[in-house]
Amino acid sequence: MRATAQIACARLQQKMRMVWAFCLSCALAATAIVLPTVALAQTTIADARTATASPSATNTTSPAAPARTVSAADSAVRLGPGDLINVSVYNVPELDTKIRVNTDGDINLPLINYVHVDGLTIDEAESVIAQRLETGGFVKNPHVQIFVQEYTSQGASVLGEVGKPGIYPILGGQRLFSLISAAGGFTDRAGKSVTITHRDQPPFTVSISRNLEEHPESDVAILPGDTVIVRRADVVYVVGDVGRPSGFLMDSGHISVLQAIALAGGTNSTAKLSGTRIVRKGATGLTMVPVPLKQLMEAKTNDMPMQAEDILFVPTSSRKRMQARSAEAAVQLATSVGLVAIRP
C-alpha cells in the first residue's frame, strides 16, 4: 500500500510539472507579442516629440516659432503715422520694442535702424523687418510679430457730446451708430445732428436722435481717418419771476418766447410782464431786446424767436409783490383769528 501511494504521488508531481511548463510557455509567447508593440509605440512617441521640437529635418538648431493667427481684419489694416506698435522677435527678447510710427511713416528698431512701414499691412511689415534682420546677419531665420496697441492712422475721431471722446479703431466695416456706442453714447447736452468729415472731402451733416431707430438712414459707413462731431444742442435760459427758472435745449433748432415761458412753468402772479427782455450776447457784447410779453400772452402781436444762448429775463413787480405780501398777511391774520374764535 505504501509503495502504491508513493507511485501515485510521483505521477501527480509529474503532471503538475507539465502544467507549469505549459503556462510558462504561454506567458513567454504573450511577452514576445507585447514587447514589440510597446517598443513600436515608444519609437512613435519619440519620433513625434522630435518632429515637434524641430520645424524641419534640415533646421535643428533653432526652435519652432509659435503659431500666430491673423484675422482678415488685421491683415487688411495698414500702418500709418501715429500708430503705437509692439515689435517682437521670437526667442530674441533683446529686440522687443514698443514704438510709435513717426510722421514720416518710419520706426527705429535695434540693429536695423529705420524701417518704413507707412501703408504696409501687419504681415508686410513683419516680412520687411524679418528680411532686414536676416540680410544684415543679425538673426538667422527670424520670426517677427507685430501687435498694434493704438490704431491712430486707422481710427476715427469722435468728438463733441459723447461720453468718451477720442480716437477709435476702424477694423473691418464700421458704421456711425456702433462708433457712437463705443464712445459712450450721447451726453445730456447732445443735439440732433452729427457732422462727419471724410479725408480730403467737405463735411456733411446727418440727423440723429437718442432713439437711433428714428433715423436708420443716418447709420452711414465710417472710414479710417474720419472725424465725427456730435453737435451740442443749443440752449436758452429763462430766469426771473417764473415757475421753474432753468435752461432748455433747443432740440428742434428753434424756440420762441412763449414756448420758453411755457417750459418754465409760466410767469408768477408778481411778475412785471412789461419789463421782460432778452439778454443777448453779440459780437459787440451784451444787448437788451425788449419783449412785449403781455401782448404776446394776449395774442396781440406775433411771437418772437429766440437764439442760442439767449437769456429771457422776467422781472418782479415791486407793487405786485407788496400787494401779495399784504394779501398773505391778511390771510395769516384771518387764520389766526379763526383759530382764536373756535377756542372755548
C-alpha atoms as a PDB file:
ATOM      1  CA  MET A   1       0.000   0.000   0.000  1.00  0.00           C
ATOM      2  CA  ARG A   2       2.799   2.331   0.855  1.00  0.00           C
ATOM      3  CA  ALA A   3       4.515   1.688  -2.464  1.00  0.00           C
ATOM      4  CA  THR A   4       1.296   2.333  -4.332  1.00  0.00           C
ATOM      5  CA  ALA A   5       0.811   5.690  -2.624  1.00  0.00           C
ATOM      6  CA  GLN A   6       4.362   6.757  -3.481  1.00  0.00           C
ATOM      7  CA  ILE A   7       3.811   5.879  -7.148  1.00  0.00           C
ATOM      8  CA  ALA A   8       0.551   7.939  -7.267  1.00  0.00           C
ATOM      9  CA  CYS A   9       2.282  10.922  -5.653  1.00  0.00           C
ATOM     10  CA  ALA A  10       5.115  10.770  -8.191  1.00  0.00           C
ATOM     11  CA  ARG A  11       2.661  10.711 -11.096  1.00  0.00           C
ATOM     12  CA  LEU A  12       0.802  13.743  -9.664  1.00  0.00           C
ATOM     13  CA  GLN A  13       4.024  15.745  -9.335  1.00  0.00           C
ATOM     14  CA  GLN A  14       4.956  14.910 -12.926  1.00  0.00           C
ATOM     15  CA  LYS A  15       1.566  16.211 -14.176  1.00  0.00           C
ATOM     16  CA  MET A  16       1.953  19.447 -12.181  1.00  0.00           C
ATOM     17  CA  ARG A  17       5.393  19.981 -13.788  1.00  0.00           C
ATOM     18  CA  MET A  18       3.840  19.580 -17.238  1.00  0.00           C
ATOM     19  CA  VAL A  19       1.067  22.126 -16.449  1.00  0.00           C
ATOM     20  CA  TRP A  20       3.591  24.641 -15.099  1.00  0.00           C
ATOM     21  CA  ALA A  21       5.766  24.277 -18.207  1.00  0.00           C
ATOM     22  CA  PHE A  22       2.730  24.913 -20.448  1.00  0.00           C
ATOM     23  CA  CYS A  23       1.738  28.077 -18.524  1.00  0.00           C
ATOM     24  CA  LEU A  24       5.306  29.361 -18.684  1.00  0.00           C
ATOM     25  CA  SER A  25       5.458  28.866 -22.437  1.00  0.00           C
ATOM     26  CA  CYS A  26       2.166  30.799 -22.869  1.00  0.00           C
ATOM     27  CA  ALA A  27       3.451  33.670 -20.753  1.00  0.00           C
ATOM     28  CA  LEU A  28       6.662  33.870 -22.801  1.00  0.00           C
ATOM     29  CA  ALA A  29       4.677  33.927 -26.030  1.00  0.00           C
ATOM     30  CA  ALA A  30       2.471  36.792 -24.746  1.00  0.00           C
ATOM     31  CA  THR A  31       5.542  38.735 -23.686  1.00  0.00           C
ATOM     32  CA  ALA A  32       7.049  38.292 -27.126  1.00  0.00           C
ATOM     33  CA  ILE A  33       3.918  39.847 -28.660  1.00  0.00           C
ATOM     34  CA  VAL A  34       3.589  42.756 -26.202  1.00  0.00           C
ATOM     35  CA  LEU A  35       7.208  43.867 -26.131  1.00  0.00           C
ATOM     36  CA  PRO A  36       7.487  44.713 -29.864  1.00  0.00           C
ATOM     37  CA  THR A  37       4.212  46.625 -29.625  1.00  0.00           C
ATOM     38  CA  VAL A  38       5.439  48.671 -26.669  1.00  0.00           C
ATOM     39  CA  ALA A  39       8.739  49.272 -28.377  1.00  0.00           C
ATOM     40  CA  LEU A  40       6.956  50.441 -31.521  1.00  0.00           C
ATOM     41  CA  ALA A  41       4.738  52.781 -29.504  1.00  0.00           C
ATOM     42  CA  GLN A  42       7.742  54.239 -27.709  1.00  0.00           C
ATOM     43  CA  THR A  43       9.522  54.738 -31.035  1.00  0.00           C
ATOM     44  CA  THR A  44       6.441  56.516 -32.458  1.00  0.00           C
ATOM     45  CA  ILE A  45       6.182  58.848 -29.443  1.00  0.00           C
ATOM     46  CA  ALA A  46       9.883  59.659 -29.627  1.00  0.00           C
ATOM     47  CA  ASP A  47       9.559  60.438 -33.347  1.00  0.00           C
ATOM     48  CA  ALA A  48       6.578  62.694 -32.661  1.00  0.00           C
ATOM     49  CA  ARG A  49       8.469  64.576 -29.960  1.00  0.00           C
ATOM     50  CA  THR A  50      11.428  65.008 -32.298  1.00  0.00           C
ATOM     51  CA  ALA A  51       9.171  66.313 -35.061  1.00  0.00           C
ATOM     52  CA  THR A  52       7.529  68.785 -32.651  1.00  0.00           C
ATOM     53  CA  ALA A  53      10.827  70.066 -31.327  1.00  0.00           C
ATOM     54  CA  SER A  54      12.256  70.595 -34.815  1.00  0.00           C
ATOM     55  CA  PRO A  55      10.426  72.525 -37.582  1.00  0.00           C
ATOM     56  CA  SER A  56      12.268  70.622 -40.334  1.00  0.00           C
ATOM     57  CA  ALA A  57      14.868  67.956 -40.834  1.00  0.00           C
ATOM     58  CA  THR A  58      17.370  70.498 -42.133  1.00  0.00           C
ATOM     59  CA  ASN A  59      16.859  73.052 -39.380  1.00  0.00           C
ATOM     60  CA  THR A  60      17.608  71.505 -35.997  1.00  0.00           C
ATOM     61  CA  THR A  61      19.460  74.389 -34.405  1.00  0.00           C
ATOM     62  CA  SER A  62      16.586  76.829 -33.824  1.00  0.00           C
ATOM     63  CA  PRO A  63      13.285  76.053 -32.058  1.00  0.00           C
ATOM     64  CA  ALA A  64       9.988  76.368 -33.842  1.00  0.00           C
ATOM     65  CA  ALA A  65       8.206  79.729 -33.737  1.00  0.00           C
ATOM     66  CA  PRO A  66       4.758  79.803 -32.124  1.00  0.00           C
ATOM     67  CA  ALA A  67       1.795  79.773 -34.462  1.00  0.00           C
ATOM     68  CA  ARG A  68       0.168  83.180 -34.993  1.00  0.00           C
ATOM     69  CA  THR A  69      -3.428  83.535 -36.047  1.00  0.00           C
ATOM     70  CA  VAL A  70      -4.060  86.665 -38.103  1.00  0.00           C
ATOM     71  CA  SER A  71      -7.635  87.644 -38.776  1.00  0.00           C
ATOM     72  CA  ALA A  72      -8.768  89.072 -42.072  1.00  0.00           C
ATOM     73  CA  ALA A  73      -9.456  92.408 -40.389  1.00  0.00           C
ATOM     74  CA  ASP A  74      -5.893  92.623 -39.006  1.00  0.00           C
ATOM     75  CA  SER A  75      -4.417  91.740 -42.396  1.00  0.00           C
ATOM     76  CA  ALA A  76      -6.428  94.478 -44.082  1.00  0.00           C
ATOM     77  CA  VAL A  77      -5.354  97.189 -41.628  1.00  0.00           C
ATOM     78  CA  ARG A  78      -2.425  99.295 -42.822  1.00  0.00           C
ATOM     79  CA  LEU A  79       0.017 101.018 -40.527  1.00  0.00           C
ATOM     80  CA  GLY A  80       0.412 104.764 -40.548  1.00  0.00           C
ATOM     81  CA  PRO A  81       1.877 107.722 -38.654  1.00  0.00           C
ATOM     82  CA  GLY A  82       0.879 107.850 -35.006  1.00  0.00           C
ATOM     83  CA  ASP A  83       0.215 104.116 -34.601  1.00  0.00           C
ATOM     84  CA  LEU A  84       1.695 102.613 -31.436  1.00  0.00           C
ATOM     85  CA  ILE A  85       3.058  99.105 -32.102  1.00  0.00           C
ATOM     86  CA  ASN A  86       4.917  96.351 -30.270  1.00  0.00           C
ATOM     87  CA  VAL A  87       7.582  94.576 -32.360  1.00  0.00           C
ATOM     88  CA  SER A  88       8.943  91.253 -31.074  1.00  0.00           C
ATOM     89  CA  VAL A  89      11.335  88.659 -32.493  1.00  0.00           C
ATOM     90  CA  TYR A  90      10.738  85.123 -31.292  1.00  0.00           C
ATOM     91  CA  ASN A  91      13.416  83.808 -28.944  1.00  0.00           C
ATOM     92  CA  VAL A  92      15.291  87.140 -29.073  1.00  0.00           C
ATOM     93  CA  PRO A  93      13.748  89.205 -26.237  1.00  0.00           C
ATOM     94  CA  GLU A  94      16.514  91.822 -26.532  1.00  0.00           C
ATOM     95  CA  LEU A  95      14.898  93.032 -29.773  1.00  0.00           C
ATOM     96  CA  ASP A  96      11.401  93.538 -28.317  1.00  0.00           C
ATOM     97  CA  THR A  97      10.446  97.154 -28.965  1.00  0.00           C
ATOM     98  CA  LYS A  98       7.434  99.344 -28.242  1.00  0.00           C
ATOM     99  CA  ILE A  99       7.446 102.293 -30.624  1.00  0.00           C
ATOM    100  CA  ARG A 100       5.163 104.791 -32.343  1.00  0.00           C
ATOM    101  CA  VAL A 101       5.286 105.297 -36.099  1.00  0.00           C
ATOM    102  CA  ASN A 102       6.698 108.783 -36.737  1.00  0.00           C
ATOM    103  CA  THR A 103       5.294 111.414 -39.083  1.00  0.00           C
ATOM    104  CA  ASP A 104       7.420 110.076 -41.939  1.00  0.00           C
ATOM    105  CA  GLY A 105       5.945 106.597 -41.516  1.00  0.00           C
ATOM    106  CA  ASP A 106       9.153 105.106 -40.082  1.00  0.00           C
ATOM    107  CA  ILE A 107      10.040 103.134 -36.952  1.00  0.00           C
ATOM    108  CA  ASN A 108      13.539 102.966 -35.429  1.00  0.00           C
ATOM    109  CA  LEU A 109      14.403  99.396 -34.389  1.00  0.00           C
ATOM    110  CA  PRO A 110      17.525  97.958 -32.746  1.00  0.00           C
ATOM    111  CA  LEU A 111      20.277  96.788 -35.118  1.00  0.00           C
ATOM    112  CA  ILE A 112      18.439  97.692 -38.344  1.00  0.00           C
ATOM    113  CA  ASN A 113      17.664 101.370 -37.593  1.00  0.00           C
ATOM    114  CA  TYR A 114      14.806 102.987 -39.537  1.00  0.00           C
ATOM    115  CA  VAL A 115      12.212 100.863 -41.328  1.00  0.00           C
ATOM    116  CA  HIS A 116       9.470 102.455 -43.444  1.00  0.00           C
ATOM    117  CA  VAL A 117       6.108 100.860 -42.553  1.00  0.00           C
ATOM    118  CA  ASP A 118       3.612 103.516 -43.637  1.00  0.00           C
ATOM    119  CA  GLY A 119       0.957 101.921 -45.832  1.00  0.00           C
ATOM    120  CA  LEU A 120       2.052  98.346 -45.077  1.00  0.00           C
ATOM    121  CA  THR A 121      -0.198  95.681 -43.622  1.00  0.00           C
ATOM    122  CA  ILE A 122       0.902  93.891 -40.468  1.00  0.00           C
ATOM    123  CA  ASP A 123       2.062  90.859 -42.473  1.00  0.00           C
ATOM    124  CA  GLU A 124       4.010  93.028 -44.899  1.00  0.00           C
ATOM    125  CA  ALA A 125       5.715  94.964 -42.112  1.00  0.00           C
ATOM    126  CA  GLU A 126       6.683  91.726 -40.355  1.00  0.00           C
ATOM    127  CA  SER A 127       8.213  90.388 -43.570  1.00  0.00           C
ATOM    128  CA  VAL A 128      10.208  93.581 -44.177  1.00  0.00           C
ATOM    129  CA  ILE A 129      11.638  93.591 -40.639  1.00  0.00           C
ATOM    130  CA  ALA A 130      12.470  89.868 -40.784  1.00  0.00           C
ATOM    131  CA  GLN A 131      14.263  90.331 -44.112  1.00  0.00           C
ATOM    132  CA  ARG A 132      16.322  93.224 -42.752  1.00  0.00           C
ATOM    133  CA  LEU A 133      17.344  91.170 -39.702  1.00  0.00           C
ATOM    134  CA  GLU A 134      18.360  88.148 -41.777  1.00  0.00           C
ATOM    135  CA  THR A 135      20.079  90.110 -44.553  1.00  0.00           C
ATOM    136  CA  GLY A 136      22.151  92.015 -42.010  1.00  0.00           C
ATOM    137  CA  GLY A 137      23.252  88.750 -40.415  1.00  0.00           C
ATOM    138  CA  PHE A 138      21.760  89.639 -37.034  1.00  0.00           C
ATOM    139  CA  VAL A 139      19.203  86.828 -36.637  1.00  0.00           C
ATOM    140  CA  LYS A 140      19.044  83.562 -38.532  1.00  0.00           C
ATOM    141  CA  ASN A 141      15.559  82.663 -39.768  1.00  0.00           C
ATOM    142  CA  PRO A 142      13.831  85.377 -37.645  1.00  0.00           C
ATOM    143  CA  HIS A 143      10.139  85.174 -36.767  1.00  0.00           C
ATOM    144  CA  VAL A 144       8.777  88.707 -36.294  1.00  0.00           C
ATOM    145  CA  GLN A 145       5.444  89.580 -34.741  1.00  0.00           C
ATOM    146  CA  ILE A 146       3.752  92.991 -34.640  1.00  0.00           C
ATOM    147  CA  PHE A 147       0.938  93.900 -32.270  1.00  0.00           C
ATOM    148  CA  VAL A 148      -0.775  97.247 -32.786  1.00  0.00           C
ATOM    149  CA  GLN A 149      -1.610  98.760 -29.405  1.00  0.00           C
ATOM    150  CA  GLU A 150      -3.134 102.004 -30.715  1.00  0.00           C
ATOM    151  CA  TYR A 151      -4.587 102.489 -34.176  1.00  0.00           C
ATOM    152  CA  THR A 152      -4.262 106.211 -34.798  1.00  0.00           C
ATOM    153  CA  SER A 153      -3.970 106.306 -38.572  1.00  0.00           C
ATOM    154  CA  GLN A 154      -6.671 103.647 -38.970  1.00  0.00           C
ATOM    155  CA  GLY A 155      -9.013 105.209 -36.448  1.00  0.00           C
ATOM    156  CA  ALA A 156     -11.827 107.723 -36.479  1.00  0.00           C
ATOM    157  CA  SER A 157     -12.005 110.713 -34.145  1.00  0.00           C
ATOM    158  CA  VAL A 158     -15.249 111.025 -32.183  1.00  0.00           C
ATOM    159  CA  LEU A 159     -15.662 114.481 -30.664  1.00  0.00           C
ATOM    160  CA  GLY A 160     -18.354 116.623 -29.144  1.00  0.00           C
ATOM    161  CA  GLU A 161     -21.208 115.488 -26.930  1.00  0.00           C
ATOM    162  CA  VAL A 162     -20.316 111.830 -26.346  1.00  0.00           C
ATOM    163  CA  GLY A 163     -19.416 110.043 -23.144  1.00  0.00           C
ATOM    164  CA  LYS A 164     -15.785 109.253 -24.053  1.00  0.00           C
ATOM    165  CA  PRO A 165     -14.395 111.433 -26.868  1.00  0.00           C
ATOM    166  CA  GLY A 166     -11.298 110.043 -28.525  1.00  0.00           C
ATOM    167  CA  ILE A 167      -9.881 108.029 -31.413  1.00  0.00           C
ATOM    168  CA  TYR A 168     -11.449 104.631 -32.045  1.00  0.00           C
ATOM    169  CA  PRO A 169     -10.045 101.939 -34.378  1.00  0.00           C
ATOM    170  CA  ILE A 170     -11.942 101.184 -37.576  1.00  0.00           C
ATOM    171  CA  LEU A 171     -11.424  97.453 -38.094  1.00  0.00           C
ATOM    172  CA  GLY A 172     -13.496  95.986 -40.873  1.00  0.00           C
ATOM    173  CA  GLY A 173     -16.876  97.547 -41.586  1.00  0.00           C
ATOM    174  CA  GLN A 174     -17.779 100.212 -39.054  1.00  0.00           C
ATOM    175  CA  ARG A 175     -20.900 102.351 -39.019  1.00  0.00           C
ATOM    176  CA  LEU A 176     -21.885 105.533 -37.213  1.00  0.00           C
ATOM    177  CA  PHE A 177     -24.221 104.073 -34.590  1.00  0.00           C
ATOM    178  CA  SER A 178     -21.763 101.432 -33.384  1.00  0.00           C
ATOM    179  CA  LEU A 179     -18.987 104.045 -33.254  1.00  0.00           C
ATOM    180  CA  ILE A 180     -21.091 106.376 -31.092  1.00  0.00           C
ATOM    181  CA  SER A 181     -21.929 103.434 -28.838  1.00  0.00           C
ATOM    182  CA  ALA A 182     -18.222 102.629 -28.462  1.00  0.00           C
ATOM    183  CA  ALA A 183     -17.643 106.281 -27.498  1.00  0.00           C
ATOM    184  CA  GLY A 184     -20.051 106.008 -24.568  1.00  0.00           C
ATOM    185  CA  GLY A 185     -23.212 107.254 -26.257  1.00  0.00           C
ATOM    186  CA  PHE A 186     -24.652 110.758 -26.150  1.00  0.00           C
ATOM    187  CA  THR A 187     -24.404 113.203 -23.258  1.00  0.00           C
ATOM    188  CA  ASP A 188     -27.349 115.159 -21.903  1.00  0.00           C
ATOM    189  CA  ARG A 189     -26.306 118.160 -23.991  1.00  0.00           C
ATOM    190  CA  ALA A 190     -26.165 116.305 -27.326  1.00  0.00           C
ATOM    191  CA  GLY A 191     -28.068 117.822 -30.206  1.00  0.00           C
ATOM    192  CA  LYS A 192     -29.885 116.139 -33.058  1.00  0.00           C
ATOM    193  CA  SER A 193     -27.220 116.330 -35.730  1.00  0.00           C
ATOM    194  CA  VAL A 194     -23.783 114.836 -36.355  1.00  0.00           C
ATOM    195  CA  THR A 195     -21.140 116.271 -38.660  1.00  0.00           C
ATOM    196  CA  ILE A 196     -18.920 113.752 -40.480  1.00  0.00           C
ATOM    197  CA  THR A 197     -15.768 114.643 -42.384  1.00  0.00           C
ATOM    198  CA  HIS A 198     -14.055 112.133 -44.666  1.00  0.00           C
ATOM    199  CA  ARG A 199     -10.421 112.603 -45.645  1.00  0.00           C
ATOM    200  CA  ASP A 200      -9.960 115.289 -48.295  1.00  0.00           C
ATOM    201  CA  GLN A 201     -13.734 115.793 -48.562  1.00  0.00           C
ATOM    202  CA  PRO A 202     -16.062 118.516 -47.328  1.00  0.00           C
ATOM    203  CA  PRO A 203     -18.048 117.760 -44.152  1.00  0.00           C
ATOM    204  CA  PHE A 204     -21.674 116.714 -44.264  1.00  0.00           C
ATOM    205  CA  THR A 205     -24.382 116.571 -41.597  1.00  0.00           C
ATOM    206  CA  VAL A 206     -26.801 113.765 -40.750  1.00  0.00           C
ATOM    207  CA  SER A 207     -29.823 113.964 -38.482  1.00  0.00           C
ATOM    208  CA  ILE A 208     -29.861 111.799 -35.409  1.00  0.00           C
ATOM    209  CA  SER A 209     -31.670 111.414 -32.079  1.00  0.00           C
ATOM    210  CA  ARG A 210     -31.320 109.485 -28.858  1.00  0.00           C
ATOM    211  CA  ASN A 211     -33.622 106.847 -30.302  1.00  0.00           C
ATOM    212  CA  LEU A 212     -31.380 105.705 -33.151  1.00  0.00           C
ATOM    213  CA  GLU A 213     -34.223 103.780 -34.775  1.00  0.00           C
ATOM    214  CA  GLU A 214     -35.849 107.080 -35.756  1.00  0.00           C
ATOM    215  CA  HIS A 215     -33.139 107.762 -38.354  1.00  0.00           C
ATOM    216  CA  PRO A 216     -31.880 104.426 -39.749  1.00  0.00           C
ATOM    217  CA  GLU A 217     -30.686 106.187 -42.897  1.00  0.00           C
ATOM    218  CA  SER A 218     -28.183 108.116 -40.768  1.00  0.00           C
ATOM    219  CA  ASP A 219     -26.232 104.961 -39.890  1.00  0.00           C
ATOM    220  CA  VAL A 220     -23.629 105.723 -42.543  1.00  0.00           C
ATOM    221  CA  ALA A 221     -20.295 103.954 -43.030  1.00  0.00           C
ATOM    222  CA  ILE A 222     -17.293 105.371 -41.178  1.00  0.00           C
ATOM    223  CA  LEU A 223     -13.839 105.139 -42.741  1.00  0.00           C
ATOM    224  CA  PRO A 224     -10.334 105.344 -41.232  1.00  0.00           C
ATOM    225  CA  GLY A 225      -9.317 108.962 -40.766  1.00  0.00           C
ATOM    226  CA  ASP A 226     -12.892 110.250 -40.455  1.00  0.00           C
ATOM    227  CA  THR A 227     -13.874 112.879 -37.917  1.00  0.00           C
ATOM    228  CA  VAL A 228     -17.279 112.578 -36.247  1.00  0.00           C
ATOM    229  CA  ILE A 229     -18.559 115.548 -34.257  1.00  0.00           C
ATOM    230  CA  VAL A 230     -21.747 115.245 -32.216  1.00  0.00           C
ATOM    231  CA  ARG A 231     -23.153 118.756 -32.103  1.00  0.00           C
ATOM    232  CA  ARG A 232     -24.045 120.343 -28.810  1.00  0.00           C
ATOM    233  CA  ALA A 233     -27.695 121.263 -28.574  1.00  0.00           C
ATOM    234  CA  ASP A 234     -28.433 124.987 -28.410  1.00  0.00           C
ATOM    235  CA  VAL A 235     -29.707 126.236 -25.057  1.00  0.00           C
ATOM    236  CA  VAL A 236     -31.874 129.167 -23.996  1.00  0.00           C
ATOM    237  CA  TYR A 237     -32.338 130.298 -20.419  1.00  0.00           C
ATOM    238  CA  VAL A 238     -35.445 131.603 -18.676  1.00  0.00           C
ATOM    239  CA  VAL A 239     -34.841 133.380 -15.364  1.00  0.00           C
ATOM    240  CA  GLY A 240     -36.645 135.757 -13.082  1.00  0.00           C
ATOM    241  CA  ASP A 241     -40.208 135.619 -11.775  1.00  0.00           C
ATOM    242  CA  VAL A 242     -41.276 132.351 -13.460  1.00  0.00           C
ATOM    243  CA  GLY A 243     -42.362 128.985 -12.155  1.00  0.00           C
ATOM    244  CA  ARG A 244     -39.198 126.973 -12.933  1.00  0.00           C
ATOM    245  CA  PRO A 245     -36.171 129.118 -13.889  1.00  0.00           C
ATOM    246  CA  SER A 246     -33.773 126.926 -15.896  1.00  0.00           C
ATOM    247  CA  GLY A 247     -32.129 126.297 -19.253  1.00  0.00           C
ATOM    248  CA  PHE A 248     -33.879 124.454 -22.084  1.00  0.00           C
ATOM    249  CA  LEU A 249     -32.415 122.550 -25.020  1.00  0.00           C
ATOM    250  CA  MET A 250     -33.391 123.692 -28.487  1.00  0.00           C
ATOM    251  CA  ASP A 251     -33.711 120.162 -29.869  1.00  0.00           C
ATOM    252  CA  SER A 252     -35.632 121.312 -32.913  1.00  0.00           C
ATOM    253  CA  GLY A 253     -33.149 124.113 -33.573  1.00  0.00           C
ATOM    254  CA  HIS A 254     -35.554 126.937 -32.738  1.00  0.00           C
ATOM    255  CA  ILE A 255     -37.735 128.081 -29.851  1.00  0.00           C
ATOM    256  CA  SER A 256     -39.982 131.113 -29.302  1.00  0.00           C
ATOM    257  CA  VAL A 257     -40.542 133.335 -26.285  1.00  0.00           C
ATOM    258  CA  LEU A 258     -43.957 131.847 -25.486  1.00  0.00           C
ATOM    259  CA  GLN A 259     -42.583 128.310 -25.778  1.00  0.00           C
ATOM    260  CA  ALA A 260     -39.762 129.158 -23.397  1.00  0.00           C
ATOM    261  CA  ILE A 261     -42.184 130.723 -20.913  1.00  0.00           C
ATOM    262  CA  ALA A 262     -44.390 127.628 -21.096  1.00  0.00           C
ATOM    263  CA  LEU A 263     -41.410 125.326 -20.459  1.00  0.00           C
ATOM    264  CA  ALA A 264     -40.506 127.460 -17.440  1.00  0.00           C
ATOM    265  CA  GLY A 265     -43.928 126.894 -15.894  1.00  0.00           C
ATOM    266  CA  GLY A 266     -45.378 130.286 -16.848  1.00  0.00           C
ATOM    267  CA  THR A 267     -44.979 133.601 -15.072  1.00  0.00           C
ATOM    268  CA  ASN A 268     -45.779 134.149 -11.435  1.00  0.00           C
ATOM    269  CA  SER A 269     -48.512 136.490 -10.308  1.00  0.00           C
ATOM    270  CA  THR A 270     -45.916 139.008  -9.122  1.00  0.00           C
ATOM    271  CA  ALA A 271     -44.143 139.204 -12.496  1.00  0.00           C
ATOM    272  CA  LYS A 272     -43.776 142.547 -14.270  1.00  0.00           C
ATOM    273  CA  LEU A 273     -44.651 141.482 -17.816  1.00  0.00           C
ATOM    274  CA  SER A 274     -43.924 144.891 -19.331  1.00  0.00           C
ATOM    275  CA  GLY A 275     -40.303 144.733 -18.132  1.00  0.00           C
ATOM    276  CA  THR A 276     -39.476 141.414 -19.794  1.00  0.00           C
ATOM    277  CA  ARG A 277     -36.405 141.452 -22.007  1.00  0.00           C
ATOM    278  CA  ILE A 278     -33.893 139.158 -23.738  1.00  0.00           C
ATOM    279  CA  VAL A 279     -30.233 139.415 -22.803  1.00  0.00           C
ATOM    280  CA  ARG A 280     -28.325 138.504 -25.972  1.00  0.00           C
ATOM    281  CA  LYS A 281     -24.583 138.146 -26.466  1.00  0.00           C
ATOM    282  CA  GLY A 282     -23.310 139.511 -29.751  1.00  0.00           C
ATOM    283  CA  ALA A 283     -20.051 140.460 -31.411  1.00  0.00           C
ATOM    284  CA  THR A 284     -20.029 143.820 -29.624  1.00  0.00           C
ATOM    285  CA  GLY A 285     -21.086 142.466 -26.223  1.00  0.00           C
ATOM    286  CA  LEU A 286     -24.407 142.114 -24.425  1.00  0.00           C
ATOM    287  CA  THR A 287     -27.541 143.744 -25.775  1.00  0.00           C
ATOM    288  CA  MET A 288     -31.061 144.084 -24.356  1.00  0.00           C
ATOM    289  CA  VAL A 289     -34.048 143.205 -26.560  1.00  0.00           C
ATOM    290  CA  PRO A 290     -37.415 144.376 -25.146  1.00  0.00           C
ATOM    291  CA  VAL A 291     -40.158 141.709 -25.136  1.00  0.00           C
ATOM    292  CA  PRO A 292     -43.839 142.750 -25.057  1.00  0.00           C
ATOM    293  CA  LEU A 293     -44.717 139.672 -23.043  1.00  0.00           C
ATOM    294  CA  LYS A 294     -48.190 140.901 -22.033  1.00  0.00           C
ATOM    295  CA  GLN A 295     -49.183 141.498 -25.660  1.00  0.00           C
ATOM    296  CA  LEU A 296     -47.703 138.122 -26.634  1.00  0.00           C
ATOM    297  CA  MET A 297     -49.728 136.310 -23.987  1.00  0.00           C
ATOM    298  CA  GLU A 298     -52.863 138.129 -25.129  1.00  0.00           C
ATOM    299  CA  ALA A 299     -52.092 137.188 -28.773  1.00  0.00           C
ATOM    300  CA  LYS A 300     -51.995 140.857 -29.785  1.00  0.00           C
ATOM    301  CA  THR A 301     -48.626 140.542 -31.507  1.00  0.00           C
ATOM    302  CA  ASN A 302     -46.542 137.892 -33.206  1.00  0.00           C
ATOM    303  CA  ASP A 303     -44.379 135.553 -31.161  1.00  0.00           C
ATOM    304  CA  MET A 304     -40.637 136.298 -31.053  1.00  0.00           C
ATOM    305  CA  PRO A 305     -37.963 133.724 -31.917  1.00  0.00           C
ATOM    306  CA  MET A 306     -35.058 133.193 -29.537  1.00  0.00           C
ATOM    307  CA  GLN A 307     -31.462 132.468 -30.414  1.00  0.00           C
ATOM    308  CA  ALA A 308     -28.995 130.055 -28.867  1.00  0.00           C
ATOM    309  CA  GLU A 309     -27.626 131.216 -25.505  1.00  0.00           C
ATOM    310  CA  ASP A 310     -30.365 133.879 -25.133  1.00  0.00           C
ATOM    311  CA  ILE A 311     -31.439 134.710 -21.593  1.00  0.00           C
ATOM    312  CA  LEU A 312     -35.112 135.595 -21.188  1.00  0.00           C
ATOM    313  CA  PHE A 313     -35.500 137.679 -18.043  1.00  0.00           C
ATOM    314  CA  VAL A 314     -38.879 138.305 -16.408  1.00  0.00           C
ATOM    315  CA  PRO A 315     -38.547 140.880 -13.596  1.00  0.00           C
ATOM    316  CA  THR A 316     -40.675 141.124 -10.485  1.00  0.00           C
ATOM    317  CA  SER A 317     -43.086 143.997  -9.905  1.00  0.00           C
ATOM    318  CA  SER A 318     -42.425 145.719  -6.567  1.00  0.00           C
ATOM    319  CA  ARG A 319     -46.013 146.924  -6.370  1.00  0.00           C
ATOM    320  CA  LYS A 320     -47.408 143.461  -7.026  1.00  0.00           C
ATOM    321  CA  ARG A 321     -45.018 141.982  -4.503  1.00  0.00           C
ATOM    322  CA  MET A 322     -46.160 144.446  -1.852  1.00  0.00           C
ATOM    323  CA  GLN A 323     -49.783 143.649  -2.659  1.00  0.00           C
ATOM    324  CA  ALA A 324     -49.033 139.933  -2.479  1.00  0.00           C
ATOM    325  CA  ARG A 325     -47.319 140.355   0.868  1.00  0.00           C
ATOM    326  CA  SER A 326     -50.316 142.329   2.192  1.00  0.00           C
ATOM    327  CA  ALA A 327     -52.664 139.611   0.997  1.00  0.00           C
ATOM    328  CA  GLU A 328     -50.534 136.938   2.628  1.00  0.00           C
ATOM    329  CA  ALA A 329     -50.542 138.940   5.884  1.00  0.00           C
ATOM    330  CA  ALA A 330     -54.320 139.296   5.717  1.00  0.00           C
ATOM    331  CA  VAL A 331     -54.746 135.546   5.165  1.00  0.00           C
ATOM    332  CA  GLN A 332     -52.454 134.781   8.082  1.00  0.00           C
ATOM    333  CA  LEU A 333     -54.338 137.255  10.279  1.00  0.00           C
ATOM    334  CA  ALA A 334     -57.686 135.797   9.284  1.00  0.00           C
ATOM    335  CA  THR A 335     -56.435 132.302  10.002  1.00  0.00           C
ATOM    336  CA  SER A 336     -55.197 133.245  13.432  1.00  0.00           C
ATOM    337  CA  VAL A 337     -58.472 134.994  14.236  1.00  0.00           C
ATOM    338  CA  GLY A 338     -60.387 131.930  13.179  1.00  0.00           C
ATOM    339  CA  LEU A 339     -58.286 129.734  15.352  1.00  0.00           C
ATOM    340  CA  VAL A 340     -58.817 132.021  18.285  1.00  0.00           C
ATOM    341  CA  ALA A 341     -62.580 132.160  17.642  1.00  0.00           C
ATOM    342  CA  ILE A 342     -63.075 128.409  17.907  1.00  0.00           C
ATOM    343  CA  ARG A 343     -61.326 128.168  21.229  1.00  0.00           C
ATOM    344  CA  PRO A 344     -63.595 127.982  24.326  1.00  0.00           C
END
